[in-house]
């Protein structure tokens, strides 16, 4: 099931319908990350950015100290969710983090923040016995330790991650689990309210100043 099972996915459905009509074949090949790579469309200003090699352990340390990270990796994803290539990541423990994330994204405070979890740990924290890589299933949280990603009714719209579905995000979660004991993070879309994913340095800088 593609993660655009709504009006925004109608073009895919139309293409499949035409394919069936002309070939009799309904199956298609698709990728959840079909977008463009991130564009460095402006100079990197040394006073605003540090440039260094990727370190999952360093990011895990930043997140564990309560800081919030804008994460960009590879091509941007299809659909209204953020399955890990254009994301705002944060530690999942405090409800105040949910408040901060909604302020950063200029969203209403009643909006929940989705958890991203190691697939192997999903049954323990969310009673999820199947993969859920596109946030299409709502489940009940099994712990009070994940306040930032647990809705007021005790549920969460879970994304599970394995090395197969998103290797970079998987390594982030492993590093965060090694530091905190839980392979779970807040995962919100790296976008402006009502607009698509941020995909260039200029917009990222505007987003940073706005937050």
Protein backbone atom coordinates (compact mmCIF):
# COMPACT_ATOMS: atom_id res chain seq x y z
CA UNK A 1 0.00 0.00 0.00
CA UNK A 2 1.61 3.31 -1.02
CA UNK A 3 1.80 5.97 1.71
CA UNK A 4 -0.36 8.32 -0.38
CA UNK A 5 -3.69 6.53 -0.02
CA UNK A 6 -5.63 9.79 -0.39
CA UNK A 7 -6.35 12.37 -3.10
CA UNK A 8 -2.65 13.19 -3.46
CA UNK A 9 -2.08 9.62 -4.67
CA UNK A 10 -4.77 9.72 -7.34
CA UNK A 11 -2.17 10.07 -10.11
CA UNK A 12 -0.68 6.70 -9.11
CA UNK A 13 -4.14 5.11 -9.17
CA UNK A 14 -4.87 6.64 -12.58
CA UNK A 15 -1.58 5.31 -13.97
CA UNK A 16 -2.30 1.81 -12.62
CA UNK A 17 -5.80 1.91 -14.10
CA UNK A 18 -4.36 2.80 -17.51
CA UNK A 19 -1.70 0.10 -17.20
CA UNK A 20 -4.36 -2.51 -16.42
CA UNK A 21 -6.41 -1.35 -19.39
CA UNK A 22 -3.54 -1.59 -21.87
CA UNK A 23 -1.55 -4.53 -20.46
CA UNK A 24 -3.76 -6.42 -18.03
CA UNK A 25 -1.03 -6.04 -15.38
CA UNK A 26 -1.89 -4.23 -12.12
CA UNK A 27 1.46 -4.36 -10.30
CA UNK A 28 3.91 -1.45 -10.44
CA UNK A 29 7.35 -0.78 -9.02
CA UNK A 30 7.53 2.27 -6.77
CA UNK A 31 9.81 3.81 -4.18
CA UNK A 32 8.82 5.86 -1.14
CA UNK A 33 11.88 8.09 -1.78
CA UNK A 34 11.41 9.21 -5.42
CA UNK A 35 12.13 12.92 -4.94
CA UNK A 36 15.13 15.13 -5.69
CA UNK A 37 18.35 15.21 -3.65
CA UNK A 38 18.85 18.13 -1.25
CA UNK A 39 20.23 21.23 -3.02
CA UNK A 40 22.95 23.44 -1.58
CA UNK A 41 21.66 26.52 -3.42
CA UNK A 42 23.56 29.03 -1.29
CA UNK A 43 27.03 29.18 0.27
CA UNK A 44 27.48 27.46 3.62
CA UNK A 45 28.08 30.29 6.09
CA UNK A 46 30.69 29.14 8.66
CA UNK A 47 29.18 31.34 11.39
CA UNK A 48 25.83 29.53 11.06
CA UNK A 49 26.76 25.94 10.20
CA UNK A 50 29.35 23.39 11.25
CA UNK A 51 30.40 20.97 8.51
CA UNK A 52 31.55 17.58 9.74
CA UNK A 53 31.30 13.89 8.90
CA UNK A 54 28.10 12.11 9.87
CA UNK A 55 28.28 10.63 13.37
CA UNK A 56 25.22 8.75 14.59
CA UNK A 57 26.65 8.74 18.11
CA UNK A 58 27.07 12.54 18.07
CA UNK A 59 23.48 13.03 16.86
CA UNK A 60 22.24 10.60 19.52
CA UNK A 61 24.06 12.66 22.16
CA UNK A 62 22.49 15.89 20.83
CA UNK A 63 19.01 14.36 20.87
CA UNK A 64 19.44 12.82 24.33
CA UNK A 65 20.24 16.29 25.71
CA UNK A 66 16.84 17.58 24.59
CA UNK A 67 17.92 19.37 21.42
CA UNK A 68 15.96 19.09 18.17
CA UNK A 69 17.57 18.07 14.88
CA UNK A 70 16.53 18.78 11.29
CA UNK A 71 17.57 15.65 9.39
CA UNK A 72 18.09 15.54 5.60
CA UNK A 73 19.25 12.37 3.86
CA UNK A 74 19.10 11.20 0.24
CA UNK A 75 16.02 11.97 -1.87
CA UNK A 76 12.83 13.36 -0.37
CA UNK A 77 9.84 11.10 0.16
CA UNK A 78 6.43 10.82 -1.49
CA UNK A 79 3.21 11.69 0.31
CA UNK A 80 2.22 13.67 3.41
CA UNK A 81 4.35 11.75 5.92
CA UNK A 82 8.07 11.93 6.73
CA UNK A 83 9.47 8.39 6.68
CA UNK A 84 12.96 9.54 7.52
CA UNK A 85 14.65 11.53 4.73
CA UNK A 86 13.21 15.00 5.49
CA UNK A 87 12.47 14.90 9.20
CA UNK A 88 12.61 16.83 12.44
CA UNK A 89 13.92 14.41 15.07
CA UNK A 90 13.73 14.74 18.84
CA UNK A 91 13.78 12.65 22.00
CA UNK A 92 10.32 11.15 22.72
CA UNK A 93 10.21 11.38 26.51
CA UNK A 94 8.62 14.73 27.46
CA UNK A 95 5.29 16.23 26.40
CA UNK A 96 7.00 19.62 26.29
CA UNK A 97 8.89 18.34 23.24
CA UNK A 98 5.59 17.86 21.41
CA UNK A 99 4.73 21.47 22.23
CA UNK A 100 8.08 22.69 20.92
CA UNK A 101 7.78 20.67 17.70
CA UNK A 102 4.32 22.04 16.95
CA UNK A 103 5.62 25.58 17.59
CA UNK A 104 8.55 25.01 15.22
CA UNK A 105 6.26 23.65 12.51
CA UNK A 106 3.62 26.35 13.20
CA UNK A 107 0.97 23.68 13.79
CA UNK A 108 -1.96 23.55 16.20
CA UNK A 109 -1.08 22.13 19.62
CA UNK A 110 -3.72 19.39 19.43
CA UNK A 111 -1.74 17.71 16.64
CA UNK A 112 0.11 14.56 17.77
CA UNK A 113 3.74 13.84 16.93
CA UNK A 114 4.48 10.45 15.40
CA UNK A 115 7.04 8.00 16.82
CA UNK A 116 9.66 6.27 14.71
CA UNK A 117 10.81 3.00 16.27
CA UNK A 118 13.18 0.14 15.53
CA UNK A 119 11.05 -2.57 13.93
CA UNK A 120 12.48 -5.14 16.34
CA UNK A 121 11.26 -3.08 19.34
CA UNK A 122 7.80 -2.18 18.01
CA UNK A 123 6.04 -5.08 19.74
CA UNK A 124 7.51 -4.11 23.11
CA UNK A 125 6.55 -0.43 23.05
CA UNK A 126 3.47 -0.42 20.78
CA UNK A 127 2.19 -4.06 20.57
CA UNK A 128 2.98 -3.93 16.85
CA UNK A 129 3.70 -7.38 15.43
CA UNK A 130 4.11 -6.26 11.80
CA UNK A 131 6.13 -3.66 9.94
CA UNK A 132 4.66 -0.18 9.58
CA UNK A 133 7.16 1.78 7.48
CA UNK A 134 4.75 4.49 6.26
CA UNK A 135 2.85 5.53 9.43
CA UNK A 136 -0.41 4.01 8.18
CA UNK A 137 -1.40 2.23 11.42
CA UNK A 138 -2.50 3.65 14.76
CA UNK A 139 -1.49 1.57 17.79
CA UNK A 140 -1.61 1.85 21.56
CA UNK A 141 1.54 2.76 23.47
CA UNK A 142 2.58 0.31 26.20
CA UNK A 143 4.53 2.75 28.34
CA UNK A 144 4.27 6.18 29.95
CA UNK A 145 7.89 6.92 29.03
CA UNK A 146 7.02 8.17 25.51
CA UNK A 147 4.90 11.21 26.36
CA UNK A 148 5.96 13.28 23.35
CA UNK A 149 4.67 10.69 20.86
CA UNK A 150 1.63 9.39 22.75
CA UNK A 151 -1.67 11.08 21.91
CA UNK A 152 -4.13 12.05 24.67
CA UNK A 153 -6.07 8.82 24.03
CA UNK A 154 -2.96 6.67 24.49
CA UNK A 155 -2.38 5.93 20.80
CA UNK A 156 0.44 6.61 18.37
CA UNK A 157 0.70 6.54 14.56
CA UNK A 158 3.82 4.43 14.38
CA UNK A 159 6.61 4.20 11.82
CA UNK A 160 8.84 1.15 12.11
CA UNK A 161 12.37 1.14 10.69
CA UNK A 162 14.71 -1.66 9.70
CA UNK A 163 18.03 -1.52 7.88
CA UNK A 164 16.15 -2.55 4.72
CA UNK A 165 13.61 0.30 4.84
CA UNK A 166 15.94 3.18 5.82
CA UNK A 167 19.53 2.36 6.75
CA UNK A 168 20.52 5.88 7.90
CA UNK A 169 17.51 6.30 10.20
CA UNK A 170 18.02 2.75 11.48
CA UNK A 171 21.58 3.59 12.53
CA UNK A 172 20.33 6.77 14.25
CA UNK A 173 17.84 4.74 16.25
CA UNK A 174 20.47 2.15 17.20
CA UNK A 175 22.78 4.90 18.47
CA UNK A 176 19.95 6.57 20.41
CA UNK A 177 18.99 3.20 21.95
CA UNK A 178 22.60 2.59 23.00
CA UNK A 179 22.57 5.96 24.80
CA UNK A 180 19.04 5.97 26.30
CA UNK A 181 17.79 2.37 26.25
CA UNK A 182 14.95 3.12 23.80
CA UNK A 183 15.15 2.93 20.01
CA UNK A 184 12.33 5.46 19.58
CA UNK A 185 12.34 9.09 18.39
CA UNK A 186 9.88 11.83 17.55
CA UNK A 187 9.63 12.14 13.78
CA UNK A 188 7.89 15.14 12.25
CA UNK A 189 7.99 16.47 8.69
CA UNK A 190 10.75 18.95 7.85
CA UNK A 191 8.45 21.44 6.15
CA UNK A 192 6.66 24.72 6.51
CA UNK A 193 3.00 24.52 7.54
CA UNK A 194 0.90 23.63 4.50
CA UNK A 195 3.91 23.29 2.20
CA UNK A 196 6.09 20.48 0.90
CA UNK A 197 9.37 19.19 2.30
CA UNK A 198 12.26 21.61 2.65
CA UNK A 199 14.80 20.66 -0.02
CA UNK A 200 17.38 23.44 -0.24
CA UNK A 201 19.74 25.29 2.05
CA UNK A 202 18.00 28.66 1.59
CA UNK A 203 14.64 27.38 2.85
CA UNK A 204 16.35 25.43 5.63
CA UNK A 205 17.97 28.64 6.81
CA UNK A 206 14.60 30.43 6.79
CA UNK A 207 13.08 27.52 8.70
CA UNK A 208 15.87 27.68 11.28
CA UNK A 209 15.41 31.42 11.86
CA UNK A 210 11.65 30.92 12.18
CA UNK A 211 12.09 28.28 14.85
